[in-house]
Amino acid sequence: MALLQLTMIPMGVNISVGEYITEIQKSLDREGATFRLNDMGTVIEGEVQELLQLVGKIYETPFDQGAIRVITHIVIDDRRDKNVHIGDKISSVTLRKVEQ
């Protein structure tokens, strides 16, 4: 299991890009993805090849809404020694803070 953080920044559009992000989130919902929006992007969990295919499916979403340029950042955390899920890292750090 891997985590992928996706940040898509539509360019040449309004300063606020919330409407574009909303449509990307709707696309992820339609695809049945497990994801969580954060202030800087969206974290999606799954197998690496499935995640890459998913990004390919939703990639056109901001262009379909009229964006003329999109900057895309993709970060993949592919841990092979155990299954990881969204929120695991936050839980681990929170627990460590309490234990100290």
Protein backbone atom coordinates (compact mmCIF):
# COMPACT_ATOMS: atom_id res chain seq x y z
CA MET A 1 0.00 0.00 0.00
CA ALA A 2 1.26 3.47 -0.86
CA LEU A 3 0.29 7.07 -0.27
CA LEU A 4 0.30 9.63 -3.06
CA GLN A 5 0.02 13.36 -2.45
CA LEU A 6 -1.42 15.20 -5.42
CA THR A 7 -1.35 18.97 -5.77
CA MET A 8 -2.80 20.49 -8.93
CA ILE A 9 -2.49 24.25 -9.36
CA PRO A 10 -4.55 25.73 -12.21
CA MET A 11 -2.83 28.75 -13.78
CA GLY A 12 -4.29 31.57 -15.83
CA VAL A 13 -7.53 31.49 -13.87
CA ASN A 14 -8.94 33.25 -10.79
CA ILE A 15 -6.80 33.71 -7.69
CA SER A 16 -9.13 31.33 -5.84
CA VAL A 17 -8.95 27.80 -7.22
CA GLY A 18 -11.49 26.21 -4.86
CA GLU A 19 -13.93 25.43 -7.67
CA TYR A 20 -11.22 23.47 -9.50
CA ILE A 21 -10.23 21.55 -6.37
CA THR A 22 -13.89 20.74 -5.70
CA GLU A 23 -14.22 19.15 -9.13
CA ILE A 24 -11.03 17.13 -8.62
CA GLN A 25 -12.45 15.88 -5.31
CA LYS A 26 -15.71 14.92 -7.05
CA SER A 27 -13.68 13.02 -9.66
CA LEU A 28 -11.90 11.10 -6.90
CA ASP A 29 -15.27 10.30 -5.31
CA ARG A 30 -16.60 8.97 -8.63
CA GLU A 31 -13.52 6.75 -8.95
CA GLY A 32 -14.09 5.33 -5.46
CA ALA A 33 -10.71 6.52 -4.21
CA THR A 34 -9.71 6.60 -0.55
CA PHE A 35 -8.41 10.13 -0.04
CA ARG A 36 -8.17 13.09 2.29
CA LEU A 37 -7.94 16.74 1.33
CA ASN A 38 -5.44 18.84 3.25
CA ASP A 39 -4.45 22.49 2.99
CA MET A 40 -1.70 21.80 0.44
CA GLY A 41 -3.13 18.98 -1.67
CA THR A 42 -4.86 15.64 -1.52
CA VAL A 43 -3.46 12.40 -0.12
CA ILE A 44 -4.72 9.24 -1.82
CA GLU A 45 -4.00 5.67 -0.73
CA GLY A 46 -3.68 2.53 -2.84
CA GLU A 47 -1.28 0.43 -4.84
CA VAL A 48 1.24 2.49 -6.82
CA GLN A 49 0.09 1.42 -10.29
CA GLU A 50 -3.55 2.02 -9.36
CA LEU A 51 -2.68 5.47 -8.00
CA LEU A 52 -0.85 6.41 -11.19
CA GLN A 53 -3.80 5.24 -13.30
CA LEU A 54 -6.14 7.25 -11.09
CA VAL A 55 -4.08 10.41 -11.58
CA GLY A 56 -4.23 9.79 -15.33
CA LYS A 57 -8.03 9.59 -15.18
CA ILE A 58 -8.54 12.81 -13.23
CA TYR A 59 -5.70 14.82 -14.75
CA GLU A 60 -7.88 16.55 -17.36
CA THR A 61 -10.41 17.80 -14.79
CA PRO A 62 -9.06 21.37 -14.40
CA PHE A 63 -8.50 21.69 -18.15
CA ASP A 64 -12.11 20.63 -18.72
CA GLN A 65 -13.09 23.55 -16.48
CA GLY A 66 -11.14 26.08 -18.56
CA ALA A 67 -7.68 26.12 -17.00
CA ILE A 68 -5.07 26.82 -19.66
CA ARG A 69 -2.09 25.67 -17.60
CA VAL A 70 -1.81 23.32 -14.61
CA ILE A 71 1.21 22.78 -12.39
CA THR A 72 1.06 19.28 -10.89
CA HIS A 73 3.10 17.96 -7.97
CA ILE A 74 3.03 14.24 -7.19
CA VAL A 75 4.79 12.70 -4.19
CA ILE A 76 4.62 8.94 -3.59
CA ASP A 77 5.46 7.20 -0.32
CA ASP A 78 5.71 3.51 -1.23
CA ARG A 79 6.49 1.57 1.91
CA ARG A 80 6.96 -2.15 1.30
CA ASP A 81 7.57 -3.43 4.84
CA LYS A 82 4.03 -2.76 6.10
CA ASN A 83 0.65 -1.45 4.98
CA VAL A 84 0.21 2.26 5.46
CA HIS A 85 -3.01 4.21 5.43
CA ILE A 86 -3.99 7.85 5.45
CA GLY A 87 -3.55 9.21 8.96
CA ASP A 88 -1.08 6.55 10.17
CA LYS A 89 1.85 8.97 10.29
CA ILE A 90 -0.15 11.59 12.15
CA SER A 91 -1.32 8.99 14.68
CA SER A 92 2.23 7.74 15.19
CA VAL A 93 3.63 11.22 15.83
CA THR A 94 0.72 12.13 18.11
CA LEU A 95 1.28 8.98 20.17
CA ARG A 96 5.02 9.70 20.44
CA LYS A 97 4.30 13.23 21.67
CA VAL A 98 2.01 11.88 24.40
CA GLU A 99 4.57 9.26 25.47
CA GLN A 100 7.38 11.82 25.90
